[in-house]
Amino acid sequence: MDTLITAGRVLPRPATPIEDGAVLVRDGVIAACGPRADVVARAAPDAARHDFPTGTALAGLFNVHVHLAFDASREMLARFSESEDRLDGARSRLTALLRSGVTTVRDLGDREHLGAAVRRSFEGSPAPRLLVSGPPITVPGGHCHFFGGETASDDEIRALIDANAAAGADVIKVMASGGQITEGGADMWESQFDARQLRVVTEHAAAHGLPVAAHAHGADAIEAAVEAGVSTVEHCSFLTGPRSFDRRTHVAKRMAADGISACSTSSRNWRVIVEKLGDDVAQAMYGRLPWLEEHGVRLLAGTDAGLPGSVFDDPAGALELYEWLGFSRRRILEIATEDSAAGLGLAAVTGRLEPGLAADVLVVEGDPLASLAALRNPLLVLAQGQSATFT
């Protein structure tokens, strides 16, 4: 059955708005998108119709870095460690993402392949497209060791990749540097693996046809990950100390040339961080994003949802960081849709409202090109043609 969506404006891509437009969905795929009269003429007479005269239809949003295993509370790590049944909580978080307009999600760290179990549990029901990594590769006692991905040799690295691939992983995650939530592990700016070891990861992942996402805050870890040929660098902070940074132009140029994307993993918490650190330090930290953009590095939308305060249902709050940094709203919407799709290898699948692509459609009240706050008012969300329920 056809589904016809009409709206005051339609964004096939953020750069090509159409006033008084429409989208036609058939069998979970976009059949047409364009001016209302043209699209309506192609719809079946009995098409299910949704009219939003003051709304905007655009491609569903991306969140390419989440942890469904965590609940975003201050006690998230303790609750994760104490919980025996994580499936229900993870399912509710994925549903929250969908209801907020996110139709593609990448989970970058869980235990016992929770993400794959969540994906199976939604078969036949509306849910975001979910890409999963399984337990990330780390060192003994290293960052996020509690996920169960500790490795002490090349053979153990390969064995973990084999196990993750067998369990349905779409991407291999490696903790190239330390992080802030693991007591006793490496500091955020300290490396956990060198370029040779990271190349073991990328080469063995490639044997399974899988990309690699590298958690890398430290400048040295970022450079090693890029040298090893990862697909995405998560955080990409270029830290050399608690509040010191070393943006390496040659690394950014290599990322751009090799098609390696960067995910800021910034949630709506960015405002709190700006207040805490002050404008100068915050600009030094977040300023890497316009700097990466200037050097041609593709930016991806991801929030590290699940960490304290990094909620699952406020994509607008996270994207407003880019506006604070001077990005245009058009560019911000591109990052959250088509650029993120390209960075995950999904450009031929989703990220735009074009015939033949999956019907991942978000309709919001108002115009997000005029104000990102419009993203806080979803009216309709379709994930691969299936509608999220709003009550």
Protein backbone atom coordinates (compact mmCIF):
# COMPACT_ATOMS: atom_id res chain seq x y z
CA MET A 1 0.00 0.00 0.00
CA ASP A 2 1.16 3.51 -0.82
CA THR A 3 1.83 6.10 1.87
CA LEU A 4 1.63 9.73 0.75
CA ILE A 5 3.17 12.46 2.88
CA THR A 6 2.57 16.10 1.99
CA ALA A 7 4.29 18.97 3.78
CA GLY A 8 4.75 22.70 3.63
CA ARG A 9 8.33 21.99 2.61
CA VAL A 10 10.29 18.89 1.73
CA LEU A 11 14.07 18.52 1.90
CA PRO A 12 15.15 15.80 -0.54
CA ARG A 13 18.55 17.07 0.60
CA PRO A 14 19.07 20.03 2.95
CA ALA A 15 20.51 22.03 0.06
CA THR A 16 17.46 21.50 -2.17
CA PRO A 17 14.27 22.49 -0.31
CA ILE A 18 10.95 22.20 -2.09
CA GLU A 19 8.05 24.34 -0.96
CA ASP A 20 4.65 22.57 -0.91
CA GLY A 21 6.13 19.15 -1.54
CA ALA A 22 5.34 15.51 -1.04
CA VAL A 23 6.95 12.11 -0.54
CA LEU A 24 5.48 8.85 -1.81
CA VAL A 25 6.44 5.64 0.00
CA ARG A 26 5.82 2.19 -1.46
CA ASP A 27 6.92 -1.11 0.09
CA GLY A 28 9.30 0.61 2.49
CA VAL A 29 11.05 2.52 -0.28
CA ILE A 30 10.74 6.10 -1.51
CA ALA A 31 8.89 5.97 -4.82
CA ALA A 32 8.79 9.71 -5.49
CA CYS A 33 9.73 13.02 -3.90
CA GLY A 34 9.08 16.47 -5.28
CA PRO A 35 6.40 19.12 -5.80
CA ARG A 36 3.08 18.09 -4.29
CA ALA A 37 1.05 17.93 -7.52
CA ASP A 38 3.63 15.75 -9.28
CA VAL A 39 3.91 13.26 -6.42
CA VAL A 40 0.19 13.11 -5.63
CA ALA A 41 -0.47 12.18 -9.27
CA ARG A 42 1.70 9.07 -8.84
CA ALA A 43 0.01 7.80 -5.67
CA ALA A 44 -2.56 5.04 -5.67
CA PRO A 45 -6.14 6.23 -5.05
CA ASP A 46 -6.27 4.36 -1.74
CA ALA A 47 -2.91 5.63 -0.47
CA ALA A 48 -2.65 6.31 3.25
CA ARG A 49 -2.28 10.05 3.43
CA HIS A 50 -0.55 12.27 5.97
CA ASP A 51 -0.78 16.04 5.48
CA PHE A 52 1.47 18.50 7.34
CA PRO A 53 0.85 21.96 5.84
CA THR A 54 3.15 23.72 8.33
CA GLY A 55 5.70 20.92 8.63
CA THR A 56 8.95 19.91 6.98
CA ALA A 57 9.77 16.43 5.69
CA LEU A 58 13.41 15.41 5.61
CA ALA A 59 15.50 12.26 5.77
CA GLY A 60 15.64 10.51 9.14
CA LEU A 61 18.52 11.55 11.37
CA PHE A 62 21.62 9.53 12.29
CA ASN A 63 23.25 8.87 15.64
CA VAL A 64 26.40 6.95 14.78
CA HIS A 65 27.77 6.55 18.33
CA VAL A 66 25.55 5.26 21.12
CA HIS A 67 25.71 2.71 23.93
CA LEU A 68 22.30 1.12 24.38
CA ALA A 69 23.69 -0.78 27.39
CA PHE A 70 23.95 2.46 29.41
CA ASP A 71 21.02 4.48 30.79
CA ALA A 72 22.54 8.02 30.68
CA SER A 73 22.33 8.40 34.47
CA ARG A 74 25.19 9.36 36.77
CA GLU A 75 25.11 5.77 38.01
CA MET A 76 25.08 4.30 34.50
CA LEU A 77 28.20 2.18 35.00
CA ALA A 78 27.06 0.74 38.32
CA ARG A 79 23.61 0.01 36.90
CA PHE A 80 25.18 -1.65 33.88
CA SER A 81 27.36 -3.82 36.12
CA GLU A 82 24.48 -4.78 38.41
CA SER A 83 21.83 -5.45 35.78
CA GLU A 84 21.27 -9.03 34.68
CA ASP A 85 18.64 -8.31 32.04
CA ARG A 86 19.66 -5.38 29.87
CA LEU A 87 17.43 -6.12 26.88
CA ASP A 88 14.33 -4.23 28.00
CA GLY A 89 16.29 -1.10 28.85
CA ALA A 90 18.18 -1.19 25.57
CA ARG A 91 14.94 -1.65 23.64
CA SER A 92 13.37 1.37 25.32
CA ARG A 93 16.42 3.50 24.47
CA LEU A 94 16.31 2.48 20.82
CA THR A 95 12.62 3.36 20.76
CA ALA A 96 13.42 6.77 22.27
CA LEU A 97 15.91 7.38 19.48
CA LEU A 98 13.28 6.52 16.87
CA ARG A 99 10.61 8.73 18.41
CA SER A 100 13.08 11.65 18.38
CA GLY A 101 13.56 11.28 14.62
CA VAL A 102 16.69 9.09 14.50
CA THR A 103 16.30 6.30 11.96
CA THR A 104 19.87 4.96 11.78
CA VAL A 105 21.87 4.09 14.90
CA ARG A 106 25.34 2.64 15.43
CA ASP A 107 25.99 1.02 18.82
CA LEU A 108 29.73 1.08 19.52
CA GLY A 109 30.15 -1.06 22.60
CA ASP A 110 28.19 -3.61 24.59
CA ARG A 111 28.61 -6.85 26.46
CA GLU A 112 27.55 -10.30 25.28
CA HIS A 113 26.33 -8.87 21.97
CA LEU A 114 23.41 -6.98 23.45
CA GLY A 115 23.03 -4.82 20.34
CA ALA A 116 22.54 -7.83 18.09
CA ALA A 117 19.91 -9.17 20.50
CA VAL A 118 18.11 -5.83 20.46
CA ARG A 119 18.08 -5.84 16.67
CA ARG A 120 16.62 -9.35 16.54
CA SER A 121 13.96 -8.39 19.07
CA PHE A 122 12.59 -5.68 16.76
CA GLU A 123 12.29 -7.81 13.63
CA GLY A 124 8.98 -6.90 12.02
CA SER A 125 8.45 -3.88 14.30
CA PRO A 126 9.31 -0.21 13.73
CA ALA A 127 12.87 0.52 14.85
CA PRO A 128 15.90 2.43 13.62
CA ARG A 129 18.36 0.63 11.39
CA LEU A 130 20.83 -0.64 14.00
CA LEU A 131 24.52 -1.27 13.30
CA VAL A 132 26.43 -2.94 16.13
CA SER A 133 30.04 -3.60 17.11
CA GLY A 134 29.77 -5.99 20.03
CA PRO A 135 32.52 -5.87 22.69
CA PRO A 136 35.22 -3.34 21.73
CA ILE A 137 38.85 -4.43 21.49
CA THR A 138 40.85 -3.13 24.41
CA VAL A 139 43.91 -4.08 26.47
CA PRO A 140 43.83 -6.00 29.79
CA GLY A 141 42.28 -3.63 32.31
CA GLY A 142 41.95 -1.07 29.53
CA HIS A 143 39.23 1.36 28.60
CA CYS A 144 35.80 -0.30 28.74
CA HIS A 145 37.29 -3.68 29.66
CA PHE A 146 33.99 -4.42 31.42
CA PHE A 147 32.43 -5.07 28.01
CA GLY A 148 34.53 -8.23 27.79
CA GLY A 149 36.86 -7.30 24.92
CA GLU A 150 40.25 -7.52 26.64
CA THR A 151 43.06 -8.79 24.40
CA ALA A 152 46.73 -9.40 25.18
CA SER A 153 48.13 -10.51 21.80
CA ASP A 154 47.59 -10.32 18.06
CA ASP A 155 45.97 -13.75 18.12
CA GLU A 156 43.51 -12.63 20.79
CA ILE A 157 42.68 -9.56 18.71
CA ARG A 158 41.93 -11.75 15.72
CA ALA A 159 39.89 -14.18 17.82
CA LEU A 160 37.72 -11.36 19.19
CA ILE A 161 37.12 -10.00 15.71
CA ASP A 162 36.13 -13.50 14.57
CA ALA A 163 33.70 -13.82 17.48
CA ASN A 164 32.17 -10.40 16.90
CA ALA A 165 31.75 -11.05 13.20
CA ALA A 166 30.11 -14.41 13.91
CA ALA A 167 27.69 -12.71 16.30
CA GLY A 168 26.53 -10.26 13.62
CA ALA A 169 28.80 -7.24 14.07
CA ASP A 170 28.59 -4.58 11.36
CA VAL A 171 31.73 -2.77 12.54
CA ILE A 172 34.74 -3.54 14.71
CA LYS A 173 35.42 -1.09 17.54
CA VAL A 174 38.90 -0.64 18.97
CA MET A 175 39.90 1.49 21.93
CA ALA A 176 43.01 3.11 20.48
CA SER A 177 43.34 5.44 23.46
CA GLY A 178 42.17 5.54 27.04
CA GLY A 179 38.92 7.10 28.19
CA GLN A 180 37.26 8.87 31.07
CA ILE A 181 34.90 6.22 32.50
CA THR A 182 37.38 3.41 33.25
CA GLU A 183 39.17 3.58 36.60
CA GLY A 184 42.78 2.48 36.49
CA GLY A 185 43.00 2.52 32.71
CA ALA A 186 44.99 4.73 30.37
CA ASP A 187 44.25 8.44 30.39
CA MET A 188 42.24 9.81 27.49
CA TRP A 189 45.31 11.14 25.72
CA GLU A 190 47.37 7.95 26.20
CA SER A 191 47.55 5.27 23.53
CA GLN A 192 46.55 1.67 24.20
CA PHE A 193 47.68 0.25 20.83
CA ASP A 194 50.34 1.30 18.34
CA ALA A 195 49.92 1.58 14.57
CA ARG A 196 51.15 -1.99 13.98
CA GLN A 197 48.59 -3.46 16.35
CA LEU A 198 45.86 -1.30 14.90
CA ARG A 199 46.81 -2.55 11.46
CA VAL A 200 46.25 -6.09 12.73
CA VAL A 201 42.75 -4.94 13.64
CA THR A 202 41.97 -3.27 10.33
CA GLU A 203 43.39 -6.07 8.22
CA HIS A 204 41.57 -8.84 10.06
CA ALA A 205 38.35 -6.85 10.12
CA ALA A 206 38.70 -6.35 6.37
CA ALA A 207 38.96 -10.12 5.95
CA HIS A 208 35.40 -10.22 7.33
CA GLY A 209 34.33 -7.27 5.17
CA LEU A 210 33.99 -5.04 8.23
CA PRO A 211 35.07 -1.42 8.80
CA VAL A 212 36.84 -0.29 11.97
CA ALA A 213 35.78 2.50 14.31
CA ALA A 214 38.63 3.72 16.51
CA HIS A 215 37.97 5.38 19.86
CA ALA A 216 40.80 7.90 19.87
CA HIS A 217 41.09 11.02 22.03
CA GLY A 218 44.88 11.30 22.00
CA ALA A 219 46.70 12.94 19.11
CA ASP A 220 49.13 10.01 18.91
CA ALA A 221 46.28 7.48 18.94
CA ILE A 222 44.45 9.35 16.18
CA GLU A 223 47.56 9.42 14.02
CA ALA A 224 48.18 5.70 14.57
CA ALA A 225 44.56 4.85 13.79
CA VAL A 226 44.63 6.87 10.58
CA GLU A 227 47.93 5.26 9.58
CA ALA A 228 46.34 1.84 10.18
CA GLY A 229 43.41 2.64 7.89
CA VAL A 230 40.38 2.78 10.18
CA SER A 231 37.07 3.96 8.70
CA THR A 232 36.00 6.35 11.46
CA VAL A 233 37.72 8.10 14.34
CA GLU A 234 35.43 8.49 17.35
CA HIS A 235 35.92 11.61 19.51
CA CYS A 236 38.97 12.72 17.47
CA SER A 237 39.95 15.15 20.22
CA PHE A 238 43.71 15.52 19.49
CA LEU A 239 44.47 15.62 23.22
CA THR A 240 48.02 15.61 24.55
CA GLY A 241 47.08 16.25 28.18
CA PRO A 242 44.12 17.14 30.39
CA ARG A 243 43.56 20.46 28.61
CA SER A 244 46.17 20.51 25.88
CA PHE A 245 45.63 19.77 22.21
CA ASP A 246 47.76 19.13 19.14
CA ARG A 247 45.78 19.38 15.92
CA ARG A 248 47.97 17.74 13.32
CA THR A 249 47.33 19.12 9.87
CA HIS A 250 49.02 16.22 8.11
CA VAL A 251 46.70 13.79 9.92
CA ALA A 252 43.59 15.74 8.93
CA LYS A 253 44.76 15.87 5.33
CA ARG A 254 45.35 12.10 5.39
CA MET A 255 41.87 11.53 6.82
CA ALA A 256 40.32 13.62 4.05
CA ALA A 257 42.35 11.91 1.33
CA ASP A 258 41.59 8.41 2.63
CA GLY A 259 37.90 9.05 3.32
CA ILE A 260 38.26 8.55 7.08
CA SER A 261 35.38 10.24 8.91
CA ALA A 262 35.31 11.84 12.35
CA CYS A 263 32.53 11.66 14.93
CA SER A 264 32.56 14.32 17.64
CA THR A 265 30.43 12.24 20.08
CA SER A 266 29.07 15.48 21.51
CA SER A 267 25.67 15.37 23.20
CA ARG A 268 23.52 18.22 24.49
CA ASN A 269 25.99 18.28 27.44
CA TRP A 270 28.19 20.60 25.38
CA ARG A 271 26.59 23.65 27.02
CA VAL A 272 27.50 22.39 30.48
CA ILE A 273 31.05 21.76 29.32
CA VAL A 274 31.35 25.27 27.89
CA GLU A 275 30.19 26.72 31.22
CA LYS A 276 32.56 24.49 33.17
CA LEU A 277 35.68 24.98 31.04
CA GLY A 278 35.13 28.51 29.81
CA ASP A 279 34.94 29.74 26.23
CA ASP A 280 38.69 29.62 25.52
CA VAL A 281 39.19 25.97 26.50
CA ALA A 282 35.85 24.98 24.99
CA GLN A 283 36.78 26.63 21.70
CA ALA A 284 40.12 24.84 21.76
CA MET A 285 38.32 21.53 22.29
CA TYR A 286 35.27 21.92 20.06
CA GLY A 287 37.11 24.05 17.53
CA ARG A 288 38.52 20.85 16.09
CA LEU A 289 35.19 20.35 14.30
CA PRO A 290 35.27 23.43 12.03
CA TRP A 291 39.01 22.81 11.66
CA LEU A 292 38.36 19.25 10.45
CA GLU A 293 35.63 20.56 8.15
CA GLU A 294 38.05 23.11 6.68
CA HIS A 295 40.48 20.30 5.90
CA GLY A 296 37.83 18.27 4.10
CA VAL A 297 37.23 15.61 6.77
CA ARG A 298 33.70 14.23 6.73
CA LEU A 299 31.91 14.82 10.04
CA LEU A 300 29.39 12.35 11.45
CA ALA A 301 26.55 12.96 13.92
CA GLY A 302 26.93 10.94 17.12
CA THR A 303 26.40 11.70 20.78
CA ASP A 304 27.85 8.87 22.93
CA ALA A 305 24.27 8.43 24.16
CA GLY A 306 24.12 6.41 27.34
CA LEU A 307 26.91 8.21 29.16
CA PRO A 308 25.85 10.50 32.04
CA GLY A 309 23.57 13.20 30.66
CA SER A 310 23.99 12.00 27.09
CA VAL A 311 20.32 11.28 26.53
CA PHE A 312 18.82 9.29 23.69
CA ASP A 313 16.00 11.66 22.73
CA ASP A 314 17.45 15.12 22.02
CA PRO A 315 19.29 15.17 18.70
CA ALA A 316 18.61 18.89 18.34
CA GLY A 317 20.43 19.66 21.59
CA ALA A 318 23.53 17.90 20.28
CA LEU A 319 23.38 19.45 16.81
CA GLU A 320 23.10 22.97 18.25
CA LEU A 321 26.79 22.70 19.14
CA TYR A 322 27.59 23.04 15.45
CA GLU A 323 25.50 26.20 15.23
CA TRP A 324 27.41 27.63 18.21
CA LEU A 325 30.59 26.86 16.28
CA GLY A 326 29.37 28.77 13.23
CA PHE A 327 28.09 25.98 10.99
CA SER A 328 25.06 26.85 8.87
CA ARG A 329 21.86 24.97 9.60
CA ARG A 330 22.00 23.48 6.12
CA ARG A 331 25.43 22.01 6.83
CA ILE A 332 24.28 20.73 10.20
CA LEU A 333 21.36 18.88 8.63
CA GLU A 334 23.70 17.48 5.98
CA ILE A 335 26.02 16.16 8.70
CA ALA A 336 23.05 14.56 10.49
CA THR A 337 21.71 12.88 7.34
CA GLU A 338 23.56 12.43 4.07
CA ASP A 339 27.11 12.89 5.37
CA SER A 340 26.59 10.39 8.17
CA ALA A 341 25.09 7.96 5.67
CA ALA A 342 28.14 8.30 3.44
CA GLY A 343 30.51 7.86 6.37
CA LEU A 344 28.88 4.55 7.29
CA GLY A 345 28.83 3.30 3.70
CA LEU A 346 25.05 3.75 3.46
CA ALA A 347 24.85 6.52 0.85
CA ALA A 348 23.09 4.16 -1.57
CA VAL A 349 20.64 3.09 1.14
CA THR A 350 19.47 6.14 3.11
CA GLY A 351 20.28 9.71 4.15
CA ARG A 352 18.27 11.49 1.43
CA LEU A 353 14.68 11.54 0.21
CA GLU A 354 15.29 10.10 -3.22
CA PRO A 355 13.50 7.40 -5.21
CA GLY A 356 14.94 3.97 -4.56
CA LEU A 357 16.31 4.79 -1.11
CA ALA A 358 14.83 3.42 2.12
CA ALA A 359 11.81 5.31 3.40
CA ASP A 360 13.54 6.77 6.45
CA VAL A 361 11.46 9.92 6.78
CA LEU A 362 11.12 12.53 9.51
CA VAL A 363 8.42 15.18 9.52
CA VAL A 364 8.77 18.01 12.03
CA GLU A 365 6.64 21.03 12.85
CA GLY A 366 8.24 24.18 11.47
CA ASP A 367 11.39 24.58 9.41
CA PRO A 368 14.74 23.21 10.70
CA LEU A 369 16.54 25.38 8.14
CA ALA A 370 15.17 28.38 10.04
CA SER A 371 15.61 26.91 13.53
CA LEU A 372 17.06 23.60 14.66
CA ALA A 373 14.49 23.69 17.46
CA ALA A 374 12.00 22.37 14.90
CA LEU A 375 13.71 18.99 15.29
CA ARG A 376 12.27 18.84 18.82
CA ASN A 377 8.75 18.60 17.39
CA PRO A 378 8.52 15.38 15.36
CA LEU A 379 5.10 14.76 13.83
CA LEU A 380 5.83 11.56 11.93
CA VAL A 381 8.78 9.17 11.79
CA LEU A 382 9.09 6.36 9.26
CA ALA A 383 11.88 3.81 9.60
CA GLN A 384 12.19 1.82 6.38
CA GLY A 385 8.57 2.67 5.73
CA GLN A 386 7.27 1.65 9.15
CA SER A 387 5.70 4.31 11.31
CA ALA A 388 6.70 5.07 14.88
CA THR A 389 3.71 5.47 17.17
CA PHE A 390 3.14 8.87 18.79
CA THR A 391 0.81 9.17 21.76
